[in-house]
N, C-alpha and C. Protein backbone atom coordinates (compact mmCIF):
# COMPACT_ATOMS: atom_id res chain seq x y z
N MET A 1 14.38 16.93 54.16
CA MET A 1 15.14 15.84 54.76
C MET A 1 14.97 14.61 53.90
N ASP A 2 16.06 14.01 53.52
CA ASP A 2 16.04 12.77 52.74
C ASP A 2 16.54 11.62 53.60
N VAL A 3 15.71 11.20 54.53
CA VAL A 3 16.08 10.09 55.41
C VAL A 3 15.17 8.92 55.08
N PHE A 4 15.79 7.84 54.59
CA PHE A 4 15.04 6.63 54.24
C PHE A 4 15.77 5.42 54.80
N PRO A 5 15.07 4.35 55.11
CA PRO A 5 15.75 3.14 55.60
C PRO A 5 16.57 2.49 54.50
N ASP A 6 17.62 1.81 54.91
CA ASP A 6 18.50 1.12 53.97
C ASP A 6 18.00 -0.32 53.82
N PHE A 7 17.27 -0.59 52.74
CA PHE A 7 16.72 -1.93 52.52
C PHE A 7 17.78 -2.92 52.04
N GLU A 8 18.91 -2.44 51.60
CA GLU A 8 19.98 -3.33 51.14
C GLU A 8 20.80 -3.85 52.32
N GLY A 9 20.59 -3.34 53.50
CA GLY A 9 21.38 -3.70 54.66
C GLY A 9 21.04 -5.07 55.23
N MET A 10 19.93 -5.66 54.83
CA MET A 10 19.54 -6.97 55.36
C MET A 10 19.92 -8.07 54.37
N SER A 11 21.19 -8.29 54.22
CA SER A 11 21.64 -9.29 53.25
C SER A 11 21.52 -10.71 53.78
N GLY A 12 21.39 -10.90 55.07
CA GLY A 12 21.35 -12.23 55.65
C GLY A 12 19.96 -12.78 55.87
N ILE A 13 18.94 -12.26 55.19
CA ILE A 13 17.57 -12.72 55.42
C ILE A 13 17.39 -14.16 54.97
N GLY A 14 18.13 -14.58 53.95
CA GLY A 14 18.04 -15.98 53.49
C GLY A 14 18.56 -16.95 54.54
N ASP A 15 19.67 -16.58 55.19
CA ASP A 15 20.20 -17.42 56.26
C ASP A 15 19.26 -17.47 57.45
N LEU A 16 18.65 -16.33 57.76
CA LEU A 16 17.69 -16.28 58.86
C LEU A 16 16.49 -17.17 58.57
N MET A 17 16.03 -17.17 57.33
CA MET A 17 14.90 -18.02 56.96
C MET A 17 15.26 -19.50 57.07
N GLU A 18 16.48 -19.86 56.69
CA GLU A 18 16.90 -21.26 56.79
C GLU A 18 16.97 -21.72 58.24
N VAL A 19 17.54 -20.89 59.11
CA VAL A 19 17.66 -21.25 60.52
C VAL A 19 16.29 -21.35 61.17
N ALA A 20 15.44 -20.38 60.92
CA ALA A 20 14.10 -20.40 61.50
C ALA A 20 13.29 -21.58 60.98
N GLY A 21 13.42 -21.87 59.69
CA GLY A 21 12.71 -23.01 59.13
C GLY A 21 13.17 -24.32 59.72
N ALA A 22 14.48 -24.45 59.95
CA ALA A 22 15.01 -25.68 60.55
C ALA A 22 14.54 -25.83 61.98
N LEU A 23 14.52 -24.74 62.74
CA LEU A 23 14.05 -24.82 64.12
C LEU A 23 12.56 -25.16 64.19
N LEU A 24 11.78 -24.56 63.31
CA LEU A 24 10.34 -24.86 63.31
C LEU A 24 10.07 -26.29 62.87
N MET A 25 10.87 -26.80 61.93
CA MET A 25 10.69 -28.18 61.49
C MET A 25 11.05 -29.15 62.62
N ALA A 26 12.11 -28.85 63.35
CA ALA A 26 12.48 -29.70 64.48
C ALA A 26 11.39 -29.68 65.54
N ALA A 27 10.84 -28.50 65.82
CA ALA A 27 9.75 -28.41 66.80
C ALA A 27 8.53 -29.19 66.34
N LEU A 28 8.24 -29.14 65.05
CA LEU A 28 7.09 -29.87 64.52
C LEU A 28 7.29 -31.38 64.61
N ILE A 29 8.48 -31.84 64.30
CA ILE A 29 8.77 -33.27 64.39
C ILE A 29 8.68 -33.76 65.82
N ILE A 30 9.25 -33.00 66.75
CA ILE A 30 9.19 -33.39 68.17
C ILE A 30 7.75 -33.39 68.67
N ALA A 31 6.96 -32.42 68.27
CA ALA A 31 5.56 -32.36 68.71
C ALA A 31 4.76 -33.54 68.18
N VAL A 32 5.00 -33.92 66.93
CA VAL A 32 4.28 -35.07 66.37
C VAL A 32 4.71 -36.36 67.04
N LEU A 33 5.99 -36.50 67.33
CA LEU A 33 6.45 -37.69 68.06
C LEU A 33 5.85 -37.75 69.45
N MET A 34 5.71 -36.60 70.10
CA MET A 34 5.11 -36.59 71.44
C MET A 34 3.61 -36.91 71.38
N VAL A 35 2.94 -36.55 70.30
CA VAL A 35 1.55 -36.96 70.13
C VAL A 35 1.47 -38.48 70.09
N LEU A 36 2.36 -39.10 69.32
CA LEU A 36 2.36 -40.56 69.22
C LEU A 36 2.66 -41.23 70.55
N VAL A 37 3.68 -40.75 71.25
CA VAL A 37 4.06 -41.34 72.54
C VAL A 37 2.93 -41.17 73.55
N SER A 38 2.35 -39.99 73.63
CA SER A 38 1.27 -39.74 74.59
C SER A 38 0.03 -40.56 74.26
N ALA A 39 -0.25 -40.74 72.96
CA ALA A 39 -1.41 -41.55 72.57
C ALA A 39 -1.20 -43.01 72.95
N ILE A 40 0.01 -43.51 72.78
CA ILE A 40 0.31 -44.90 73.16
C ILE A 40 0.17 -45.06 74.67
N ILE A 41 0.70 -44.11 75.43
CA ILE A 41 0.59 -44.17 76.90
C ILE A 41 -0.87 -44.10 77.32
N TRP A 42 -1.63 -43.23 76.69
CA TRP A 42 -3.05 -43.10 77.00
C TRP A 42 -3.79 -44.40 76.73
N ALA A 43 -3.51 -45.03 75.59
CA ALA A 43 -4.20 -46.27 75.22
C ALA A 43 -3.84 -47.42 76.16
N ILE A 44 -2.57 -47.56 76.47
CA ILE A 44 -2.15 -48.66 77.35
C ILE A 44 -2.69 -48.45 78.76
N ALA A 45 -2.61 -47.22 79.25
CA ALA A 45 -3.10 -46.94 80.61
C ALA A 45 -4.60 -47.12 80.71
N ALA A 46 -5.34 -46.73 79.69
CA ALA A 46 -6.80 -46.88 79.72
C ALA A 46 -7.19 -48.36 79.65
N SER A 47 -6.45 -49.14 78.88
CA SER A 47 -6.80 -50.56 78.76
C SER A 47 -6.44 -51.37 80.00
N THR A 48 -5.47 -50.90 80.78
CA THR A 48 -5.09 -51.62 81.99
C THR A 48 -5.81 -51.10 83.23
N GLY A 49 -6.58 -50.03 83.08
CA GLY A 49 -7.35 -49.51 84.20
C GLY A 49 -6.61 -48.48 85.03
N ASN A 50 -5.49 -48.00 84.58
CA ASN A 50 -4.74 -46.98 85.30
C ASN A 50 -5.23 -45.61 84.82
N TYR A 51 -6.30 -45.12 85.46
CA TYR A 51 -6.97 -43.92 84.98
C TYR A 51 -6.17 -42.64 85.26
N SER A 52 -5.34 -42.66 86.27
CA SER A 52 -4.50 -41.49 86.54
C SER A 52 -3.48 -41.29 85.41
N LEU A 53 -2.84 -42.38 85.00
CA LEU A 53 -1.88 -42.29 83.90
C LEU A 53 -2.59 -42.02 82.57
N ALA A 54 -3.80 -42.53 82.41
CA ALA A 54 -4.57 -42.27 81.19
C ALA A 54 -4.91 -40.79 81.08
N ALA A 55 -5.23 -40.15 82.20
CA ALA A 55 -5.52 -38.72 82.18
C ALA A 55 -4.27 -37.92 81.80
N LYS A 56 -3.11 -38.35 82.31
CA LYS A 56 -1.87 -37.66 81.96
C LYS A 56 -1.52 -37.87 80.48
N GLY A 57 -1.80 -39.05 79.97
CA GLY A 57 -1.58 -39.30 78.55
C GLY A 57 -2.50 -38.46 77.68
N ARG A 58 -3.75 -38.31 78.11
CA ARG A 58 -4.70 -37.48 77.36
C ARG A 58 -4.26 -36.02 77.35
N ILE A 59 -3.80 -35.54 78.49
CA ILE A 59 -3.29 -34.16 78.56
C ILE A 59 -2.05 -34.01 77.67
N GLY A 60 -1.19 -35.01 77.66
CA GLY A 60 -0.01 -34.98 76.79
C GLY A 60 -0.37 -34.92 75.32
N VAL A 61 -1.41 -35.67 74.94
CA VAL A 61 -1.86 -35.63 73.54
C VAL A 61 -2.37 -34.24 73.19
N LEU A 62 -3.18 -33.66 74.05
CA LEU A 62 -3.76 -32.35 73.76
C LEU A 62 -2.69 -31.25 73.71
N VAL A 63 -1.75 -31.29 74.66
CA VAL A 63 -0.70 -30.27 74.69
C VAL A 63 0.23 -30.40 73.49
N SER A 64 0.64 -31.62 73.17
CA SER A 64 1.55 -31.80 72.04
C SER A 64 0.84 -31.54 70.71
N LEU A 65 -0.45 -31.82 70.62
CA LEU A 65 -1.20 -31.48 69.42
C LEU A 65 -1.27 -29.96 69.25
N GLY A 66 -1.48 -29.25 70.35
CA GLY A 66 -1.46 -27.79 70.30
C GLY A 66 -0.09 -27.27 69.88
N GLY A 67 0.98 -27.90 70.38
CA GLY A 67 2.33 -27.50 69.98
C GLY A 67 2.58 -27.75 68.50
N ALA A 68 2.08 -28.87 67.99
CA ALA A 68 2.25 -29.17 66.57
C ALA A 68 1.49 -28.16 65.71
N ILE A 69 0.31 -27.79 66.15
CA ILE A 69 -0.47 -26.80 65.40
C ILE A 69 0.23 -25.45 65.41
N LEU A 70 0.75 -25.05 66.56
CA LEU A 70 1.45 -23.77 66.65
C LEU A 70 2.74 -23.77 65.83
N ALA A 71 3.47 -24.88 65.83
CA ALA A 71 4.71 -24.95 65.05
C ALA A 71 4.40 -24.91 63.55
N GLY A 72 3.33 -25.57 63.14
CA GLY A 72 2.94 -25.52 61.73
C GLY A 72 2.46 -24.15 61.32
N ALA A 73 1.71 -23.49 62.20
CA ALA A 73 1.23 -22.15 61.89
C ALA A 73 2.36 -21.13 61.91
N ALA A 74 3.36 -21.36 62.74
CA ALA A 74 4.48 -20.42 62.83
C ALA A 74 5.27 -20.38 61.53
N THR A 75 5.34 -21.50 60.83
CA THR A 75 6.03 -21.52 59.54
C THR A 75 5.33 -20.63 58.53
N GLY A 76 4.04 -20.74 58.44
CA GLY A 76 3.28 -19.88 57.54
C GLY A 76 3.34 -18.42 57.93
N TRP A 77 3.31 -18.16 59.22
CA TRP A 77 3.37 -16.78 59.70
C TRP A 77 4.73 -16.17 59.39
N LEU A 78 5.81 -16.96 59.59
CA LEU A 78 7.14 -16.46 59.29
C LEU A 78 7.30 -16.16 57.81
N ASN A 79 6.79 -17.02 56.96
CA ASN A 79 6.85 -16.77 55.51
C ASN A 79 6.06 -15.52 55.15
N TRP A 80 4.91 -15.32 55.77
CA TRP A 80 4.12 -14.12 55.50
C TRP A 80 4.87 -12.86 55.92
N LEU A 81 5.52 -12.91 57.09
CA LEU A 81 6.26 -11.75 57.56
C LEU A 81 7.44 -11.42 56.66
N VAL A 82 8.15 -12.45 56.18
CA VAL A 82 9.29 -12.22 55.30
C VAL A 82 8.81 -11.63 53.98
N ASN A 83 7.71 -12.16 53.43
CA ASN A 83 7.18 -11.60 52.19
C ASN A 83 6.68 -10.17 52.37
N LEU A 84 6.10 -9.89 53.52
CA LEU A 84 5.66 -8.54 53.80
C LEU A 84 6.84 -7.59 53.92
N GLY A 85 7.92 -8.05 54.54
CA GLY A 85 9.11 -7.22 54.65
C GLY A 85 9.77 -6.93 53.32
N GLU A 86 9.69 -7.87 52.39
CA GLU A 86 10.28 -7.64 51.07
C GLU A 86 9.47 -6.63 50.26
N GLN A 87 8.18 -6.49 50.56
CA GLN A 87 7.32 -5.56 49.83
C GLN A 87 7.49 -4.12 50.30
N LEU A 88 7.96 -3.94 51.52
CA LEU A 88 8.08 -2.58 52.06
C LEU A 88 9.16 -1.78 51.38
């Protein structure tokens, strides 16, 4: 049996990489902006004594920082997967 996958059938991988890269860049920019906004809210709320809002700002900083880390790591992971697929 001579059954092998058709590696020439994926001609749109370059377009897929551009779309995925643009989406990940947008997610990274939004996450970094949310870190800044949450940090400003945290600082203002802590200085005025509004500890409930300061806690929400701190949670916002931590969550958006985690999102920024995941978006940055997803770019490297996607590049690794594409390079691995080209080697197969």
